[in-house]
Amino acid sequence: MTTISVFEGPLCCNTGVCGPDLDQRLVDFTADAAWLTSQGARVVRANLAQDPTAFAEDAHARAFLQTAGADGLPLVVVDGVTALTGRYPTRAELARFAGLEAASEGNPGTAAEQPGAQACCTPDDVASGACCSTTSTTIPLTDVTPCCADDAR
């Protein structure tokens, strides 16, 4: 099975989909990665603030940080090969990396393309601390519930 590892810059939580000013690119990528996982692919995310050990332990991530620095992130590694740097992959790119058919009529597009799509963490969630937990680690997306649903509320 293909493993897609995404090494991200410092984020507030393991997905970055929290805080008062949501970055739509993170919202879209989180939805796209969850879709890819639902298709049977393995996606592992690590962000520099929450899991610096993952960067230190991975030769690709360590070398990338030494060369490009944190400003060059995200780094996408597919089965040990650098596939993309400096931006998040699209759903079609993720599907291609995983050897799956790209988003088509039977597969919804990114969260931004879905009618009525919205971020999982509203400003009220953030204010109440219900958005994302303060602890995180490098975990496959299959091990988390979408949209931080089981985090502290």
N, C-alpha and C. Protein backbone atom coordinates (compact mmCIF):
# COMPACT_ATOMS: atom_id res chain seq x y z
N MET A 1 0.85 -1.18 0.00
CA MET A 1 0.00 0.00 0.00
C MET A 1 0.89 1.25 0.00
N THR A 2 0.54 2.21 -0.80
CA THR A 2 1.27 3.47 -0.87
C THR A 2 1.09 4.26 0.41
N THR A 3 2.18 4.86 0.89
CA THR A 3 2.10 5.75 2.04
C THR A 3 2.47 7.15 1.59
N ILE A 4 1.57 8.08 1.84
CA ILE A 4 1.80 9.48 1.53
C ILE A 4 2.06 10.19 2.85
N SER A 5 3.27 10.70 3.02
CA SER A 5 3.65 11.42 4.24
C SER A 5 3.67 12.91 3.92
N VAL A 6 2.99 13.68 4.74
CA VAL A 6 2.93 15.12 4.55
C VAL A 6 3.55 15.78 5.78
N PHE A 7 4.67 16.46 5.56
CA PHE A 7 5.37 17.17 6.63
C PHE A 7 4.99 18.64 6.48
N GLU A 8 4.33 19.17 7.51
CA GLU A 8 3.77 20.52 7.45
C GLU A 8 4.50 21.47 8.38
N GLY A 9 4.38 22.74 8.08
CA GLY A 9 4.93 23.77 8.95
C GLY A 9 4.19 23.76 10.28
N PRO A 10 4.59 24.60 11.21
CA PRO A 10 3.94 24.64 12.53
C PRO A 10 2.45 24.98 12.41
N LEU A 11 1.61 24.16 13.02
CA LEU A 11 0.17 24.36 13.02
C LEU A 11 -0.33 24.32 14.46
N CYS A 12 -1.53 24.86 14.68
CA CYS A 12 -2.08 24.92 16.04
C CYS A 12 -2.50 23.55 16.57
N CYS A 13 -2.80 22.62 15.68
CA CYS A 13 -3.20 21.27 16.07
C CYS A 13 -2.77 20.31 14.97
N ASN A 14 -3.11 19.04 15.08
CA ASN A 14 -2.60 18.08 14.11
C ASN A 14 -3.11 18.29 12.69
N THR A 15 -4.21 19.02 12.49
CA THR A 15 -4.70 19.28 11.14
C THR A 15 -4.56 20.74 10.73
N GLY A 16 -4.41 21.64 11.69
CA GLY A 16 -4.36 23.06 11.38
C GLY A 16 -5.73 23.65 11.12
N VAL A 17 -6.78 22.84 11.22
CA VAL A 17 -8.14 23.32 10.98
C VAL A 17 -8.73 23.75 12.32
N CYS A 18 -8.17 24.81 12.86
CA CYS A 18 -8.63 25.36 14.12
C CYS A 18 -8.15 26.81 14.20
N GLY A 19 -8.55 27.49 15.19
CA GLY A 19 -8.18 28.89 15.32
C GLY A 19 -9.21 29.79 14.68
N PRO A 20 -9.11 31.07 14.97
CA PRO A 20 -10.12 32.02 14.48
C PRO A 20 -10.02 32.30 12.99
N ASP A 21 -8.84 32.17 12.40
CA ASP A 21 -8.66 32.47 10.98
C ASP A 21 -8.26 31.20 10.24
N LEU A 22 -9.26 30.45 9.80
CA LEU A 22 -8.99 29.19 9.11
C LEU A 22 -8.39 29.44 7.74
N ASP A 23 -7.37 28.67 7.41
CA ASP A 23 -6.75 28.72 6.10
C ASP A 23 -7.50 27.74 5.21
N GLN A 24 -8.16 28.23 4.18
CA GLN A 24 -8.98 27.38 3.32
C GLN A 24 -8.17 26.25 2.69
N ARG A 25 -6.89 26.50 2.44
CA ARG A 25 -6.04 25.44 1.87
C ARG A 25 -5.94 24.26 2.83
N LEU A 26 -5.85 24.54 4.13
CA LEU A 26 -5.79 23.46 5.12
C LEU A 26 -7.13 22.74 5.24
N VAL A 27 -8.22 23.49 5.17
CA VAL A 27 -9.55 22.89 5.22
C VAL A 27 -9.70 21.93 4.03
N ASP A 28 -9.35 22.42 2.83
CA ASP A 28 -9.46 21.60 1.63
C ASP A 28 -8.56 20.37 1.71
N PHE A 29 -7.31 20.58 2.12
CA PHE A 29 -6.38 19.45 2.18
C PHE A 29 -6.84 18.42 3.20
N THR A 30 -7.33 18.86 4.34
CA THR A 30 -7.81 17.92 5.36
C THR A 30 -8.97 17.10 4.82
N ALA A 31 -9.89 17.74 4.11
CA ALA A 31 -11.02 17.02 3.51
C ALA A 31 -10.52 16.07 2.42
N ASP A 32 -9.58 16.52 1.60
CA ASP A 32 -9.06 15.67 0.53
C ASP A 32 -8.29 14.48 1.08
N ALA A 33 -7.52 14.69 2.13
CA ALA A 33 -6.78 13.59 2.75
C ALA A 33 -7.74 12.58 3.38
N ALA A 34 -8.81 13.07 4.00
CA ALA A 34 -9.81 12.17 4.58
C ALA A 34 -10.49 11.36 3.47
N TRP A 35 -10.79 12.02 2.34
CA TRP A 35 -11.38 11.30 1.21
C TRP A 35 -10.42 10.21 0.72
N LEU A 36 -9.15 10.55 0.58
CA LEU A 36 -8.17 9.59 0.10
C LEU A 36 -8.07 8.41 1.06
N THR A 37 -8.08 8.67 2.34
CA THR A 37 -8.04 7.61 3.34
C THR A 37 -9.27 6.72 3.21
N SER A 38 -10.43 7.32 2.95
CA SER A 38 -11.65 6.53 2.78
C SER A 38 -11.59 5.65 1.54
N GLN A 39 -10.69 5.98 0.62
CA GLN A 39 -10.50 5.18 -0.59
C GLN A 39 -9.47 4.07 -0.37
N GLY A 40 -8.93 3.98 0.85
CA GLY A 40 -8.00 2.91 1.18
C GLY A 40 -6.54 3.31 1.19
N ALA A 41 -6.24 4.56 0.91
CA ALA A 41 -4.84 5.01 0.90
C ALA A 41 -4.40 5.33 2.33
N ARG A 42 -3.10 5.36 2.54
CA ARG A 42 -2.54 5.70 3.85
C ARG A 42 -1.91 7.09 3.75
N VAL A 43 -2.42 8.01 4.55
CA VAL A 43 -1.90 9.37 4.61
C VAL A 43 -1.46 9.64 6.04
N VAL A 44 -0.21 10.05 6.19
CA VAL A 44 0.34 10.35 7.51
C VAL A 44 0.76 11.81 7.50
N ARG A 45 0.30 12.56 8.49
CA ARG A 45 0.64 13.98 8.59
C ARG A 45 1.48 14.23 9.83
N ALA A 46 2.45 15.12 9.70
CA ALA A 46 3.25 15.57 10.85
C ALA A 46 3.45 17.06 10.69
N ASN A 47 3.23 17.79 11.77
CA ASN A 47 3.52 19.22 11.67
C ASN A 47 4.63 19.57 12.64
N LEU A 48 5.41 20.55 12.24
CA LEU A 48 6.64 20.89 12.94
C LEU A 48 6.42 21.30 14.39
N ALA A 49 5.31 21.95 14.70
CA ALA A 49 5.06 22.39 16.07
C ALA A 49 4.62 21.23 16.96
N GLN A 50 3.82 20.32 16.43
CA GLN A 50 3.24 19.25 17.24
C GLN A 50 4.10 18.00 17.27
N ASP A 51 4.89 17.75 16.23
CA ASP A 51 5.65 16.51 16.16
C ASP A 51 7.02 16.70 15.51
N PRO A 52 7.90 17.49 16.14
CA PRO A 52 9.22 17.72 15.55
C PRO A 52 10.05 16.45 15.46
N THR A 53 9.76 15.47 16.29
CA THR A 53 10.49 14.20 16.25
C THR A 53 10.32 13.50 14.90
N ALA A 54 9.13 13.60 14.32
CA ALA A 54 8.89 12.97 13.01
C ALA A 54 9.83 13.54 11.95
N PHE A 55 10.11 14.84 12.05
CA PHE A 55 11.03 15.48 11.11
C PHE A 55 12.45 15.01 11.36
N ALA A 56 12.83 14.90 12.61
CA ALA A 56 14.18 14.48 12.96
C ALA A 56 14.44 13.03 12.56
N GLU A 57 13.42 12.20 12.66
CA GLU A 57 13.58 10.77 12.37
C GLU A 57 13.48 10.42 10.91
N ASP A 58 12.92 11.29 10.08
CA ASP A 58 12.76 11.00 8.66
C ASP A 58 13.87 11.69 7.86
N ALA A 59 14.67 10.91 7.13
CA ALA A 59 15.80 11.45 6.39
C ALA A 59 15.38 12.50 5.36
N HIS A 60 14.26 12.27 4.66
CA HIS A 60 13.79 13.24 3.66
C HIS A 60 13.42 14.56 4.31
N ALA A 61 12.64 14.49 5.38
CA ALA A 61 12.19 15.70 6.06
C ALA A 61 13.36 16.45 6.68
N ARG A 62 14.27 15.71 7.30
CA ARG A 62 15.44 16.33 7.93
C ARG A 62 16.29 17.06 6.89
N ALA A 63 16.59 16.39 5.77
CA ALA A 63 17.40 17.00 4.71
C ALA A 63 16.67 18.20 4.09
N PHE A 64 15.36 18.07 3.93
CA PHE A 64 14.58 19.17 3.35
C PHE A 64 14.65 20.40 4.25
N LEU A 65 14.45 20.21 5.56
CA LEU A 65 14.52 21.34 6.49
C LEU A 65 15.89 22.00 6.49
N GLN A 66 16.94 21.19 6.41
CA GLN A 66 18.29 21.73 6.39
C GLN A 66 18.55 22.54 5.12
N THR A 67 17.93 22.15 4.02
CA THR A 67 18.15 22.82 2.74
C THR A 67 17.19 23.99 2.52
N ALA A 68 15.89 23.75 2.68
CA ALA A 68 14.88 24.75 2.34
C ALA A 68 14.34 25.49 3.56
N GLY A 69 14.46 24.91 4.74
CA GLY A 69 13.92 25.53 5.94
C GLY A 69 12.42 25.32 6.03
N ALA A 70 11.85 25.74 7.14
CA ALA A 70 10.41 25.56 7.38
C ALA A 70 9.56 26.33 6.39
N ASP A 71 10.10 27.40 5.80
CA ASP A 71 9.33 28.18 4.83
C ASP A 71 9.04 27.38 3.56
N GLY A 72 9.80 26.31 3.31
CA GLY A 72 9.59 25.49 2.13
C GLY A 72 8.50 24.44 2.29
N LEU A 73 8.01 24.26 3.52
CA LEU A 73 6.97 23.26 3.78
C LEU A 73 5.63 23.71 3.22
N PRO A 74 4.73 22.80 2.92
CA PRO A 74 4.76 21.39 3.22
C PRO A 74 5.62 20.59 2.24
N LEU A 75 6.06 19.43 2.73
CA LEU A 75 6.82 18.46 1.97
C LEU A 75 5.96 17.21 1.87
N VAL A 76 5.74 16.73 0.65
CA VAL A 76 4.94 15.52 0.44
C VAL A 76 5.87 14.43 -0.07
N VAL A 77 5.95 13.33 0.67
CA VAL A 77 6.81 12.20 0.33
C VAL A 77 5.91 10.99 0.08
N VAL A 78 6.08 10.37 -1.08
CA VAL A 78 5.29 9.20 -1.44
C VAL A 78 6.22 8.00 -1.51
N ASP A 79 6.02 7.07 -0.60
CA ASP A 79 6.86 5.87 -0.54
C ASP A 79 8.35 6.20 -0.64
N GLY A 80 8.77 7.20 0.13
CA GLY A 80 10.18 7.54 0.20
C GLY A 80 10.69 8.45 -0.90
N VAL A 81 9.82 8.92 -1.78
CA VAL A 81 10.22 9.79 -2.88
C VAL A 81 9.53 11.14 -2.70
N THR A 82 10.31 12.22 -2.78
CA THR A 82 9.72 13.56 -2.69
C THR A 82 8.83 13.79 -3.90
N ALA A 83 7.55 14.06 -3.64
CA ALA A 83 6.58 14.24 -4.71
C ALA A 83 6.17 15.69 -4.92
N LEU A 84 6.22 16.50 -3.85
CA LEU A 84 5.74 17.87 -3.95
C LEU A 84 6.29 18.67 -2.77
N THR A 85 6.61 19.93 -3.02
CA THR A 85 7.06 20.81 -1.94
C THR A 85 6.42 22.18 -2.09
N GLY A 86 6.30 22.89 -0.98
CA GLY A 86 5.88 24.28 -1.00
C GLY A 86 4.40 24.55 -1.06
N ARG A 87 3.59 23.52 -1.27
CA ARG A 87 2.13 23.70 -1.29
C ARG A 87 1.48 22.35 -1.03
N TYR A 88 0.20 22.39 -0.68
CA TYR A 88 -0.54 21.16 -0.46
C TYR A 88 -0.99 20.59 -1.80
N PRO A 89 -1.01 19.26 -1.91
CA PRO A 89 -1.47 18.66 -3.16
C PRO A 89 -2.99 18.78 -3.30
N THR A 90 -3.43 18.80 -4.54
CA THR A 90 -4.86 18.79 -4.82
C THR A 90 -5.39 17.36 -4.63
N ARG A 91 -6.69 17.22 -4.65
CA ARG A 91 -7.29 15.88 -4.55
C ARG A 91 -6.85 15.01 -5.72
N ALA A 92 -6.80 15.58 -6.91
CA ALA A 92 -6.38 14.81 -8.08
C ALA A 92 -4.92 14.36 -7.93
N GLU A 93 -4.06 15.23 -7.41
CA GLU A 93 -2.67 14.84 -7.19
C GLU A 93 -2.56 13.75 -6.14
N LEU A 94 -3.30 13.88 -5.04
CA LEU A 94 -3.30 12.85 -4.01
C LEU A 94 -3.74 11.50 -4.59
N ALA A 95 -4.80 11.54 -5.38
CA ALA A 95 -5.30 10.30 -6.00
C ALA A 95 -4.22 9.69 -6.90
N ARG A 96 -3.57 10.53 -7.68
CA ARG A 96 -2.50 10.03 -8.56
C ARG A 96 -1.35 9.46 -7.75
N PHE A 97 -0.94 10.15 -6.68
CA PHE A 97 0.15 9.67 -5.83
C PHE A 97 -0.20 8.29 -5.26
N ALA A 98 -1.47 8.08 -4.94
CA ALA A 98 -1.92 6.83 -4.33
C ALA A 98 -2.25 5.76 -5.37
N GLY A 99 -2.20 6.14 -6.65
CA GLY A 99 -2.53 5.18 -7.70
C GLY A 99 -4.02 4.97 -7.86
N LEU A 100 -4.81 5.95 -7.44
CA LEU A 100 -6.26 5.88 -7.56
C LEU A 100 -6.74 6.75 -8.70
N GLU A 101 -7.96 6.49 -9.14
CA GLU A 101 -8.58 7.35 -10.14
C GLU A 101 -8.86 8.70 -9.49
N ALA A 102 -8.56 9.77 -10.18
CA ALA A 102 -8.75 11.12 -9.64
C ALA A 102 -10.24 11.39 -9.39
N ALA A 103 -10.50 12.44 -8.64
CA ALA A 103 -11.88 12.83 -8.36
C ALA A 103 -12.63 12.97 -9.67
N SER A 104 -13.75 12.32 -9.75
CA SER A 104 -14.54 12.35 -10.97
C SER A 104 -16.01 12.46 -10.59
N GLU A 105 -16.88 12.12 -11.51
CA GLU A 105 -18.30 12.22 -11.24
C GLU A 105 -18.71 11.42 -10.01
N GLY A 106 -18.09 10.27 -9.81
CA GLY A 106 -18.42 9.43 -8.66
C GLY A 106 -17.71 9.84 -7.39
N ASN A 107 -16.71 10.70 -7.50
CA ASN A 107 -15.93 11.14 -6.35
C ASN A 107 -16.07 12.64 -6.20
N PRO A 108 -16.55 13.11 -5.07
CA PRO A 108 -16.71 14.55 -4.90
C PRO A 108 -15.37 15.27 -4.96
N GLY A 109 -15.42 16.52 -5.35
CA GLY A 109 -14.21 17.34 -5.43
C GLY A 109 -13.75 17.76 -4.05
N THR A 110 -12.93 18.78 -4.00
CA THR A 110 -12.42 19.25 -2.73
C THR A 110 -13.56 19.85 -1.92
N ALA A 111 -13.29 20.09 -0.66
CA ALA A 111 -14.30 20.69 0.21
C ALA A 111 -14.80 22.01 -0.36
N ALA A 112 -13.90 22.77 -0.98
CA ALA A 112 -14.29 24.07 -1.55
C ALA A 112 -15.25 23.90 -2.72
N GLU A 113 -15.20 22.73 -3.38
CA GLU A 113 -16.05 22.50 -4.53
C GLU A 113 -17.40 21.91 -4.15
N GLN A 114 -17.57 21.48 -2.91
CA GLN A 114 -18.81 20.85 -2.49
C GLN A 114 -19.80 21.90 -2.03
N PRO A 115 -21.03 21.86 -2.56
CA PRO A 115 -22.03 22.84 -2.15
C PRO A 115 -22.27 22.77 -0.65
N GLY A 116 -22.30 23.92 -0.01
CA GLY A 116 -22.59 23.99 1.41
C GLY A 116 -21.46 23.53 2.31
N ALA A 117 -20.28 23.30 1.73
CA ALA A 117 -19.15 22.85 2.56
C ALA A 117 -18.75 23.96 3.51
N GLN A 118 -18.36 23.57 4.71
CA GLN A 118 -17.90 24.55 5.67
C GLN A 118 -16.83 23.94 6.54
N ALA A 119 -16.07 24.78 7.17
CA ALA A 119 -15.01 24.30 8.06
C ALA A 119 -15.64 23.61 9.25
N CYS A 120 -14.90 22.65 9.80
CA CYS A 120 -15.46 21.90 10.92
C CYS A 120 -15.39 22.68 12.22
N CYS A 121 -14.52 23.64 12.31
CA CYS A 121 -14.37 24.38 13.56
C CYS A 121 -14.87 25.80 13.36
N THR A 122 -15.98 26.12 13.98
CA THR A 122 -16.54 27.46 13.89
C THR A 122 -15.84 28.36 14.89
N PRO A 123 -15.98 29.67 14.76
CA PRO A 123 -15.39 30.57 15.77
C PRO A 123 -15.89 30.25 17.18
N ASP A 124 -17.16 29.81 17.33
CA ASP A 124 -17.68 29.43 18.65
C ASP A 124 -16.95 28.20 19.19
N ASP A 125 -16.67 27.23 18.30
CA ASP A 125 -15.92 26.03 18.71
C ASP A 125 -14.54 26.44 19.22
N VAL A 126 -13.90 27.33 18.49
CA VAL A 126 -12.55 27.77 18.86
C VAL A 126 -12.59 28.47 20.22
N ALA A 127 -13.55 29.38 20.40
CA ALA A 127 -13.65 30.13 21.64
C ALA A 127 -13.91 29.22 22.84
N SER A 128 -14.66 28.15 22.63
CA SER A 128 -14.99 27.24 23.73
C SER A 128 -13.93 26.17 23.94
N GLY A 129 -12.92 26.14 23.04
CA GLY A 129 -11.88 25.12 23.15
C GLY A 129 -12.31 23.79 22.56
N ALA A 130 -13.40 23.77 21.79
CA ALA A 130 -13.93 22.51 21.25
C ALA A 130 -13.35 22.16 19.89
N CYS A 131 -12.45 22.95 19.39
CA CYS A 131 -11.98 22.71 18.02
C CYS A 131 -10.99 21.57 17.94
N CYS A 132 -9.83 21.75 18.42
CA CYS A 132 -8.79 20.73 18.29
C CYS A 132 -8.09 20.56 19.63
N SER A 133 -7.61 19.35 19.86
CA SER A 133 -6.93 19.12 21.12
C SER A 133 -5.57 19.81 21.13
N THR A 134 -5.01 19.98 22.29
CA THR A 134 -3.71 20.62 22.41
C THR A 134 -2.58 19.62 22.29
N THR A 135 -2.91 18.33 22.28
CA THR A 135 -1.88 17.32 22.11
C THR A 135 -2.05 16.67 20.75
N SER A 136 -0.95 16.35 20.13
CA SER A 136 -1.01 15.77 18.81
C SER A 136 0.24 14.95 18.57
N THR A 137 0.17 14.10 17.59
CA THR A 137 1.32 13.31 17.18
C THR A 137 1.13 12.94 15.73
N THR A 138 2.14 12.36 15.13
CA THR A 138 2.01 11.90 13.76
C THR A 138 1.11 10.68 13.77
N ILE A 139 -0.04 10.79 13.14
CA ILE A 139 -0.98 9.69 13.12
C ILE A 139 -1.58 9.55 11.74
N PRO A 140 -1.90 8.32 11.35
CA PRO A 140 -2.61 8.15 10.08
C PRO A 140 -4.00 8.75 10.23
N LEU A 141 -4.53 9.34 9.16
CA LEU A 141 -5.86 9.94 9.24
C LEU A 141 -6.93 8.92 9.55
N THR A 142 -6.67 7.64 9.31
CA THR A 142 -7.66 6.62 9.63
C THR A 142 -7.86 6.50 11.12
N ASP A 143 -6.91 7.02 11.92
CA ASP A 143 -6.99 6.91 13.37
C ASP A 143 -7.67 8.10 14.03
N VAL A 144 -8.14 9.05 13.25
CA VAL A 144 -8.82 10.21 13.83
C VAL A 144 -10.20 10.34 13.23
N THR A 145 -11.09 10.97 13.98
CA THR A 145 -12.42 11.22 13.47
C THR A 145 -12.38 12.54 12.72
N PRO A 146 -13.06 12.63 11.58
CA PRO A 146 -13.03 13.87 10.81
C PRO A 146 -13.45 15.08 11.65
N CYS A 147 -12.84 16.19 11.38
CA CYS A 147 -13.20 17.48 11.96
C CYS A 147 -13.05 17.53 13.47
N CYS A 148 -12.07 16.86 14.01
CA CYS A 148 -11.77 16.94 15.43
C CYS A 148 -12.97 16.57 16.30
N ALA A 149 -13.85 15.71 15.83
CA ALA A 149 -15.11 15.42 16.51
C ALA A 149 -14.94 14.85 17.90
N ASP A 150 -13.86 14.13 18.16
CA ASP A 150 -13.69 13.52 19.47
C ASP A 150 -12.74 14.29 20.36
N ASP A 151 -12.27 15.45 19.93
CA ASP A 151 -11.36 16.23 20.74
C ASP A 151 -12.11 16.83 21.92
N ALA A 152 -11.37 17.37 22.87
CA ALA A 152 -11.96 17.92 24.09
C ALA A 152 -13.07 18.91 23.78
N ARG A 153 -14.14 18.75 24.45
CA ARG A 153 -15.29 19.66 24.26
C ARG A 153 -15.68 20.24 25.58
